[in-house]
Amino acid sequence: YFLVGKPRTDPHGLAGRATRGYIAWDVTGERLVFLKDCWRVPTLPKEGDTLLKLNGAEVPFVPTLVCHGDVGGQTTLTPGYWDKESDGEESKMKAHAHYRLVVEEIGCPLDDFRNSRELVLVIYESICAHYVAFNDAHILHQDISAGNILIVRKTEDRVVRASGLLNDWDLAKDTEIKPAGQCGRTGTWQFMSGRLLAHPSKFHEVQDDFESFLHVLLWEAVRYLPH
């Protein structure tokens, strides 16, 4: 059981998975945690299962799973209406299931970096997380963006230290499973690689994520640093 208040993150439009994030009180563990509430595509791996695999492989700078699961009996009905009205045309709408995920870490947005050194450090550690996840756990993130890289600040010996956290693994894929779960245009528009945007049928590859990290660095630097 978790107690929550006003969501810390909220959806900004009608399109999307209605993702909301809460700082929550874990009633059993008596601690603050982060709770993510969203609607997932049932045919794709659960984000919690991906985090479990990453934690098992001791991937650094990724969230630590507390618990996760679908909310029973809550799935979208829209695909059923398409089937009734489409005269046999294949449905382009995907069913979604209500899903919740809880992790230990509570991060700050990347936009809250204090100086250029901290910005580069946080992105560097997120790249380290990506590297270990890809090589040791065989997981490719597929959604590198400014919103999915967080800053975790902890006080050690009265000194506040910042570290990176590569978050939101809900679009990640297992690289050992062929073919990939879905192809083309996986990610966040502003940070996707040029090839993914130019070729909708292209499968997402590790080099696409590398390019996205560069776009994140440039995006944050141009917006917030003197130049």
C-alpha atoms as a PDB file:
ATOM      1  CA  TYR A   1       0.000   0.000   0.000  1.00  0.00           C
ATOM      2  CA  PHE A   2       1.197   3.489  -0.899  1.00  0.00           C
ATOM      3  CA  LEU A   3      -0.098   6.934  -0.007  1.00  0.00           C
ATOM      4  CA  VAL A   4       0.115   9.578  -2.736  1.00  0.00           C
ATOM      5  CA  GLY A   5      -0.898  13.197  -3.197  1.00  0.00           C
ATOM      6  CA  LYS A   6      -0.768  15.490  -6.189  1.00  0.00           C
ATOM      7  CA  PRO A   7       1.201  13.937  -9.083  1.00  0.00           C
ATOM      8  CA  ARG A   8       4.688  15.314  -9.590  1.00  0.00           C
ATOM      9  CA  THR A   9       4.492  14.661 -13.338  1.00  0.00           C
ATOM     10  CA  ASP A  10       1.317  14.854 -15.390  1.00  0.00           C
ATOM     11  CA  PRO A  11       0.359  14.159 -19.037  1.00  0.00           C
ATOM     12  CA  HIS A  12       0.310  17.310 -21.178  1.00  0.00           C
ATOM     13  CA  GLY A  13      -2.135  16.240 -23.873  1.00  0.00           C
ATOM     14  CA  LEU A  14      -4.608  13.655 -25.117  1.00  0.00           C
ATOM     15  CA  ALA A  15      -2.009  11.599 -26.990  1.00  0.00           C
ATOM     16  CA  GLY A  16       0.134   9.262 -24.916  1.00  0.00           C
ATOM     17  CA  ARG A  17      -0.191   6.725 -22.123  1.00  0.00           C
ATOM     18  CA  ALA A  18      -1.587   9.041 -19.417  1.00  0.00           C
ATOM     19  CA  THR A  19       1.599   8.634 -17.368  1.00  0.00           C
ATOM     20  CA  ARG A  20       1.602  10.189 -13.917  1.00  0.00           C
ATOM     21  CA  GLY A  21       4.430  10.117 -11.387  1.00  0.00           C
ATOM     22  CA  TYR A  22       4.018  10.407  -7.625  1.00  0.00           C
ATOM     23  CA  ILE A  23       6.293  10.698  -4.626  1.00  0.00           C
ATOM     24  CA  ALA A  24       4.628   8.047  -2.479  1.00  0.00           C
ATOM     25  CA  TRP A  25       4.812   6.873   1.133  1.00  0.00           C
ATOM     26  CA  ASP A  26       5.426   3.149   1.404  1.00  0.00           C
ATOM     27  CA  VAL A  27       3.147   2.192   4.303  1.00  0.00           C
ATOM     28  CA  THR A  28       4.884  -1.136   4.917  1.00  0.00           C
ATOM     29  CA  GLY A  29       8.488  -0.023   4.469  1.00  0.00           C
ATOM     30  CA  GLU A  30       7.887   3.417   6.064  1.00  0.00           C
ATOM     31  CA  ARG A  31       9.899   5.265   3.421  1.00  0.00           C
ATOM     32  CA  LEU A  32       9.427   7.593   0.485  1.00  0.00           C
ATOM     33  CA  VAL A  33       9.484   5.977  -2.961  1.00  0.00           C
ATOM     34  CA  PHE A  34       8.492   6.918  -6.515  1.00  0.00           C
ATOM     35  CA  LEU A  35       5.290   5.499  -8.025  1.00  0.00           C
ATOM     36  CA  LYS A  36       4.591   5.548 -11.763  1.00  0.00           C
ATOM     37  CA  ASP A  37       1.003   5.129 -12.978  1.00  0.00           C
ATOM     38  CA  CYS A  38       0.453   4.601 -16.712  1.00  0.00           C
ATOM     39  CA  TRP A  39      -1.266   2.532 -19.410  1.00  0.00           C
ATOM     40  CA  ARG A  40       0.964  -0.010 -21.143  1.00  0.00           C
ATOM     41  CA  VAL A  41       0.656  -2.090 -24.307  1.00  0.00           C
ATOM     42  CA  PRO A  42       0.152  -5.682 -23.047  1.00  0.00           C
ATOM     43  CA  THR A  43       2.144  -7.184 -25.926  1.00  0.00           C
ATOM     44  CA  LEU A  44       5.317  -5.351 -24.804  1.00  0.00           C
ATOM     45  CA  PRO A  45       7.440  -6.383 -21.788  1.00  0.00           C
ATOM     46  CA  LYS A  46       6.494  -4.857 -18.449  1.00  0.00           C
ATOM     47  CA  GLU A  47       8.895  -2.145 -17.345  1.00  0.00           C
ATOM     48  CA  GLY A  48       9.170  -3.815 -13.937  1.00  0.00           C
ATOM     49  CA  ASP A  49      10.343  -7.078 -15.533  1.00  0.00           C
ATOM     50  CA  THR A  50      12.998  -5.124 -17.422  1.00  0.00           C
ATOM     51  CA  LEU A  51      14.169  -3.388 -14.224  1.00  0.00           C
ATOM     52  CA  LEU A  52      14.287  -6.752 -12.458  1.00  0.00           C
ATOM     53  CA  LYS A  53      16.636  -8.026 -15.153  1.00  0.00           C
ATOM     54  CA  LEU A  54      18.767  -4.858 -14.984  1.00  0.00           C
ATOM     55  CA  ASN A  55      18.997  -5.037 -11.188  1.00  0.00           C
ATOM     56  CA  GLY A  56      19.918  -8.721 -11.397  1.00  0.00           C
ATOM     57  CA  ALA A  57      22.758  -7.864 -13.778  1.00  0.00           C
ATOM     58  CA  GLU A  58      23.903  -5.116 -11.353  1.00  0.00           C
ATOM     59  CA  VAL A  59      23.541  -2.381 -13.956  1.00  0.00           C
ATOM     60  CA  PRO A  60      24.554   0.932 -12.308  1.00  0.00           C
ATOM     61  CA  PHE A  61      22.589   4.179 -12.406  1.00  0.00           C
ATOM     62  CA  VAL A  62      19.176   2.601 -13.064  1.00  0.00           C
ATOM     63  CA  PRO A  63      16.094   2.539 -10.784  1.00  0.00           C
ATOM     64  CA  THR A  64      15.791  -0.144  -8.105  1.00  0.00           C
ATOM     65  CA  LEU A  65      12.513  -2.042  -8.388  1.00  0.00           C
ATOM     66  CA  VAL A  66      10.218  -2.230  -5.347  1.00  0.00           C
ATOM     67  CA  CYS A  67       7.110  -3.769  -6.946  1.00  0.00           C
ATOM     68  CA  HIS A  68       4.945  -3.564 -10.074  1.00  0.00           C
ATOM     69  CA  GLY A  69       1.862  -5.001 -11.716  1.00  0.00           C
ATOM     70  CA  ASP A  70      -1.272  -4.456 -13.781  1.00  0.00           C
ATOM     71  CA  VAL A  71      -4.385  -3.059 -12.131  1.00  0.00           C
ATOM     72  CA  GLY A  72      -6.873  -5.918 -12.464  1.00  0.00           C
ATOM     73  CA  GLY A  73      -9.704  -5.571 -14.939  1.00  0.00           C
ATOM     74  CA  GLN A  74      -8.698  -2.159 -16.311  1.00  0.00           C
ATOM     75  CA  THR A  75      -8.032  -2.225 -20.081  1.00  0.00           C
ATOM     76  CA  THR A  76      -8.979   0.215 -22.843  1.00  0.00           C
ATOM     77  CA  LEU A  77     -12.084  -0.466 -24.950  1.00  0.00           C
ATOM     78  CA  THR A  78     -11.311   1.676 -28.013  1.00  0.00           C
ATOM     79  CA  PRO A  79      -9.904  -1.148 -30.219  1.00  0.00           C
ATOM     80  CA  GLY A  80     -13.240  -2.952 -29.871  1.00  0.00           C
ATOM     81  CA  TYR A  81     -15.119   0.031 -31.295  1.00  0.00           C
ATOM     82  CA  TRP A  82     -12.706   0.134 -34.246  1.00  0.00           C
ATOM     83  CA  ASP A  83     -13.455  -3.506 -35.031  1.00  0.00           C
ATOM     84  CA  LYS A  84     -17.197  -2.808 -35.082  1.00  0.00           C
ATOM     85  CA  GLU A  85     -17.013   0.234 -37.376  1.00  0.00           C
ATOM     86  CA  SER A  86     -14.054  -0.509 -39.679  1.00  0.00           C
ATOM     87  CA  ASP A  87     -15.726  -2.948 -42.126  1.00  0.00           C
ATOM     88  CA  GLY A  88     -12.949  -5.484 -41.755  1.00  0.00           C
ATOM     89  CA  GLU A  89     -10.041  -3.030 -41.950  1.00  0.00           C
ATOM     90  CA  GLU A  90      -7.219  -4.047 -39.648  1.00  0.00           C
ATOM     91  CA  SER A  91      -7.234  -2.068 -36.402  1.00  0.00           C
ATOM     92  CA  LYS A  92      -4.418   0.441 -36.000  1.00  0.00           C
ATOM     93  CA  MET A  93      -5.263   0.982 -32.340  1.00  0.00           C
ATOM     94  CA  LYS A  94      -3.517  -0.933 -29.571  1.00  0.00           C
ATOM     95  CA  ALA A  95      -5.210  -2.055 -26.386  1.00  0.00           C
ATOM     96  CA  HIS A  96      -3.664  -0.707 -23.175  1.00  0.00           C
ATOM     97  CA  ALA A  97      -3.703  -2.043 -19.609  1.00  0.00           C
ATOM     98  CA  HIS A  98      -3.527   0.059 -16.444  1.00  0.00           C
ATOM     99  CA  TYR A  99      -0.098  -0.454 -14.860  1.00  0.00           C
ATOM    100  CA  ARG A 100       1.770   0.713 -11.779  1.00  0.00           C
ATOM    101  CA  LEU A 101       5.468   0.603 -10.935  1.00  0.00           C
ATOM    102  CA  VAL A 102       7.297   1.566  -7.736  1.00  0.00           C
ATOM    103  CA  VAL A 103      11.057   2.223  -7.461  1.00  0.00           C
ATOM    104  CA  GLU A 104      13.326   3.305  -4.601  1.00  0.00           C
ATOM    105  CA  GLU A 105      14.972   6.340  -6.188  1.00  0.00           C
ATOM    106  CA  ILE A 106      13.369   9.799  -6.289  1.00  0.00           C
ATOM    107  CA  GLY A 107      15.137  11.913  -8.880  1.00  0.00           C
ATOM    108  CA  CYS A 108      15.183  15.537  -9.977  1.00  0.00           C
ATOM    109  CA  PRO A 109      14.625  16.574 -13.624  1.00  0.00           C
ATOM    110  CA  LEU A 110      17.766  16.932 -15.720  1.00  0.00           C
ATOM    111  CA  ASP A 111      16.848  20.610 -16.173  1.00  0.00           C
ATOM    112  CA  ASP A 112      17.764  21.132 -12.488  1.00  0.00           C
ATOM    113  CA  PHE A 113      21.508  20.660 -13.062  1.00  0.00           C
ATOM    114  CA  ARG A 114      23.602  23.239 -11.190  1.00  0.00           C
ATOM    115  CA  ASN A 115      26.462  23.706 -13.646  1.00  0.00           C
ATOM    116  CA  SER A 116      27.922  22.267 -16.837  1.00  0.00           C
ATOM    117  CA  ARG A 117      30.098  19.809 -14.900  1.00  0.00           C
ATOM    118  CA  GLU A 118      27.039  18.283 -13.226  1.00  0.00           C
ATOM    119  CA  LEU A 119      25.179  18.118 -16.559  1.00  0.00           C
ATOM    120  CA  VAL A 120      28.016  16.232 -18.251  1.00  0.00           C
ATOM    121  CA  LEU A 121      28.507  13.947 -15.222  1.00  0.00           C
ATOM    122  CA  VAL A 122      24.839  12.937 -15.116  1.00  0.00           C
ATOM    123  CA  ILE A 123      24.687  12.243 -18.861  1.00  0.00           C
ATOM    124  CA  TYR A 124      28.005  10.351 -18.677  1.00  0.00           C
ATOM    125  CA  GLU A 125      26.712   8.085 -15.902  1.00  0.00           C
ATOM    126  CA  SER A 126      23.513   7.494 -17.884  1.00  0.00           C
ATOM    127  CA  ILE A 127      25.664   6.419 -20.833  1.00  0.00           C
ATOM    128  CA  CYS A 128      27.499   4.039 -18.461  1.00  0.00           C
ATOM    129  CA  ALA A 129      24.125   2.569 -17.438  1.00  0.00           C
ATOM    130  CA  HIS A 130      23.189   2.155 -21.100  1.00  0.00           C
ATOM    131  CA  TYR A 131      26.532   0.491 -21.885  1.00  0.00           C
ATOM    132  CA  VAL A 132      26.269  -2.109 -19.106  1.00  0.00           C
ATOM    133  CA  ALA A 133      22.573  -2.734 -19.817  1.00  0.00           C
ATOM    134  CA  PHE A 134      23.285  -3.377 -23.491  1.00  0.00           C
ATOM    135  CA  ASN A 135      26.411  -5.491 -23.025  1.00  0.00           C
ATOM    136  CA  ASP A 136      25.628  -7.450 -19.841  1.00  0.00           C
ATOM    137  CA  ALA A 137      21.816  -7.557 -19.653  1.00  0.00           C
ATOM    138  CA  HIS A 138      21.210  -7.379 -23.440  1.00  0.00           C
ATOM    139  CA  ILE A 139      18.635  -4.604 -23.013  1.00  0.00           C
ATOM    140  CA  LEU A 140      18.357  -1.607 -25.366  1.00  0.00           C
ATOM    141  CA  HIS A 141      16.607   1.450 -23.880  1.00  0.00           C
ATOM    142  CA  GLN A 142      15.120   2.944 -27.101  1.00  0.00           C
ATOM    143  CA  ASP A 143      13.819   6.179 -25.515  1.00  0.00           C
ATOM    144  CA  ILE A 144      16.775   8.367 -24.553  1.00  0.00           C
ATOM    145  CA  SER A 145      15.461  11.867 -23.832  1.00  0.00           C
ATOM    146  CA  ALA A 146      15.923  14.788 -21.448  1.00  0.00           C
ATOM    147  CA  GLY A 147      12.861  13.627 -19.518  1.00  0.00           C
ATOM    148  CA  ASN A 148      14.230  10.112 -19.012  1.00  0.00           C
ATOM    149  CA  ILE A 149      17.564  11.138 -17.488  1.00  0.00           C
ATOM    150  CA  LEU A 150      17.258  12.161 -13.839  1.00  0.00           C
ATOM    151  CA  ILE A 151      19.541  13.610 -11.178  1.00  0.00           C
ATOM    152  CA  VAL A 152      19.704  11.806  -7.820  1.00  0.00           C
ATOM    153  CA  ARG A 153      21.172  13.889  -4.997  1.00  0.00           C
ATOM    154  CA  LYS A 154      22.364  12.289  -1.773  1.00  0.00           C
ATOM    155  CA  THR A 155      24.088  13.848   1.239  1.00  0.00           C
ATOM    156  CA  GLU A 156      27.359  12.155   2.200  1.00  0.00           C
ATOM    157  CA  ASP A 157      29.521  13.638   4.988  1.00  0.00           C
ATOM    158  CA  ARG A 158      27.422  16.810   4.827  1.00  0.00           C
ATOM    159  CA  VAL A 159      28.217  17.158   1.112  1.00  0.00           C
ATOM    160  CA  VAL A 160      25.450  16.864  -1.480  1.00  0.00           C
ATOM    161  CA  ARG A 161      26.570  14.608  -4.325  1.00  0.00           C
ATOM    162  CA  ALA A 162      24.755  14.212  -7.643  1.00  0.00           C
ATOM    163  CA  SER A 163      24.584  11.103  -9.801  1.00  0.00           C
ATOM    164  CA  GLY A 164      22.735  10.145 -12.967  1.00  0.00           C
ATOM    165  CA  LEU A 165      19.729   7.849 -13.261  1.00  0.00           C
ATOM    166  CA  LEU A 166      18.630   6.418 -16.610  1.00  0.00           C
ATOM    167  CA  ASN A 167      14.875   6.094 -16.152  1.00  0.00           C
ATOM    168  CA  ASP A 168      11.743   4.969 -18.049  1.00  0.00           C
ATOM    169  CA  TRP A 169      12.594   1.559 -19.514  1.00  0.00           C
ATOM    170  CA  ASP A 170       9.033   0.879 -20.705  1.00  0.00           C
ATOM    171  CA  LEU A 171      10.008   0.943 -24.413  1.00  0.00           C
ATOM    172  CA  ALA A 172      13.158  -1.134 -23.901  1.00  0.00           C
ATOM    173  CA  LYS A 173      13.683  -4.362 -25.835  1.00  0.00           C
ATOM    174  CA  ASP A 174      15.626  -7.555 -25.248  1.00  0.00           C
ATOM    175  CA  THR A 175      18.289  -7.631 -27.963  1.00  0.00           C
ATOM    176  CA  GLU A 176      18.396 -11.440 -27.876  1.00  0.00           C
ATOM    177  CA  ILE A 177      14.771 -11.712 -29.043  1.00  0.00           C
ATOM    178  CA  LYS A 178      14.389 -11.613 -32.836  1.00  0.00           C
ATOM    179  CA  PRO A 179      12.611  -9.900 -34.449  1.00  0.00           C
ATOM    180  CA  ALA A 180      12.235  -6.778 -32.325  1.00  0.00           C
ATOM    181  CA  GLY A 181       8.910  -6.120 -30.621  1.00  0.00           C
ATOM    182  CA  GLN A 182       8.144  -3.093 -32.750  1.00  0.00           C
ATOM    183  CA  CYS A 183      10.009  -1.257 -35.466  1.00  0.00           C
ATOM    184  CA  GLY A 184      10.619   2.364 -36.279  1.00  0.00           C
ATOM    185  CA  ARG A 185      10.034   5.648 -34.489  1.00  0.00           C
ATOM    186  CA  THR A 186      10.616   4.380 -30.976  1.00  0.00           C
ATOM    187  CA  GLY A 187      11.495   7.271 -28.684  1.00  0.00           C
ATOM    188  CA  THR A 188      10.841  10.961 -28.070  1.00  0.00           C
ATOM    189  CA  TRP A 189      10.661  13.132 -31.194  1.00  0.00           C
ATOM    190  CA  GLN A 190      13.123  15.892 -30.218  1.00  0.00           C
ATOM    191  CA  PHE A 191      15.887  13.425 -29.390  1.00  0.00           C
ATOM    192  CA  MET A 192      15.432  10.624 -31.937  1.00  0.00           C
ATOM    193  CA  SER A 193      18.192   9.871 -34.425  1.00  0.00           C
ATOM    194  CA  GLY A 194      17.952  11.315 -37.907  1.00  0.00           C
ATOM    195  CA  ARG A 195      17.734   7.869 -39.487  1.00  0.00           C
ATOM    196  CA  LEU A 196      14.799   6.819 -37.311  1.00  0.00           C
ATOM    197  CA  LEU A 197      12.905   9.968 -38.274  1.00  0.00           C
ATOM    198  CA  ALA A 198      13.739   9.671 -41.958  1.00  0.00           C
ATOM    199  CA  HIS A 199      12.992   5.949 -42.253  1.00  0.00           C
ATOM    200  CA  PRO A 200       9.851   4.920 -40.319  1.00  0.00           C
ATOM    201  CA  SER A 201      10.413   1.198 -40.954  1.00  0.00           C
ATOM    202  CA  LYS A 202      13.981   1.187 -39.566  1.00  0.00           C
ATOM    203  CA  PHE A 203      14.584  -0.963 -36.489  1.00  0.00           C
ATOM    204  CA  HIS A 204      15.914   0.860 -33.433  1.00  0.00           C
ATOM    205  CA  GLU A 205      19.637   0.110 -32.929  1.00  0.00           C
ATOM    206  CA  VAL A 206      22.240   0.980 -30.328  1.00  0.00           C
ATOM    207  CA  GLN A 207      23.710   3.770 -32.484  1.00  0.00           C
ATOM    208  CA  ASP A 208      20.322   5.494 -32.470  1.00  0.00           C
ATOM    209  CA  ASP A 209      20.498   5.739 -28.672  1.00  0.00           C
ATOM    210  CA  PHE A 210      24.072   7.070 -28.857  1.00  0.00           C
ATOM    211  CA  GLU A 211      22.895   9.893 -31.123  1.00  0.00           C
ATOM    212  CA  SER A 212      20.026  10.639 -28.731  1.00  0.00           C
ATOM    213  CA  PHE A 213      22.475  11.195 -25.851  1.00  0.00           C
ATOM    214  CA  LEU A 214      24.233  13.832 -27.980  1.00  0.00           C
ATOM    215  CA  HIS A 215      20.914  15.535 -28.755  1.00  0.00           C
ATOM    216  CA  VAL A 216      20.096  15.628 -25.011  1.00  0.00           C
ATOM    217  CA  LEU A 217      23.448  17.239 -24.176  1.00  0.00           C
ATOM    218  CA  LEU A 218      23.050  19.890 -26.881  1.00  0.00           C
ATOM    219  CA  TRP A 219      19.398  20.541 -25.953  1.00  0.00           C
ATOM    220  CA  GLU A 220      20.228  21.170 -22.288  1.00  0.00           C
ATOM    221  CA  ALA A 221      23.379  23.179 -22.989  1.00  0.00           C
ATOM    222  CA  VAL A 222      21.750  25.531 -25.515  1.00  0.00           C
ATOM    223  CA  ARG A 223      18.706  26.089 -23.282  1.00  0.00           C
ATOM    224  CA  TYR A 224      20.401  26.645 -19.924  1.00  0.00           C
ATOM    225  CA  LEU A 225      24.132  27.395 -20.235  1.00  0.00           C
ATOM    226  CA  PRO A 226      25.688  30.757 -21.245  1.00  0.00           C
ATOM    227  CA  HIS A 227      26.924  30.722 -24.854  1.00  0.00           C
END
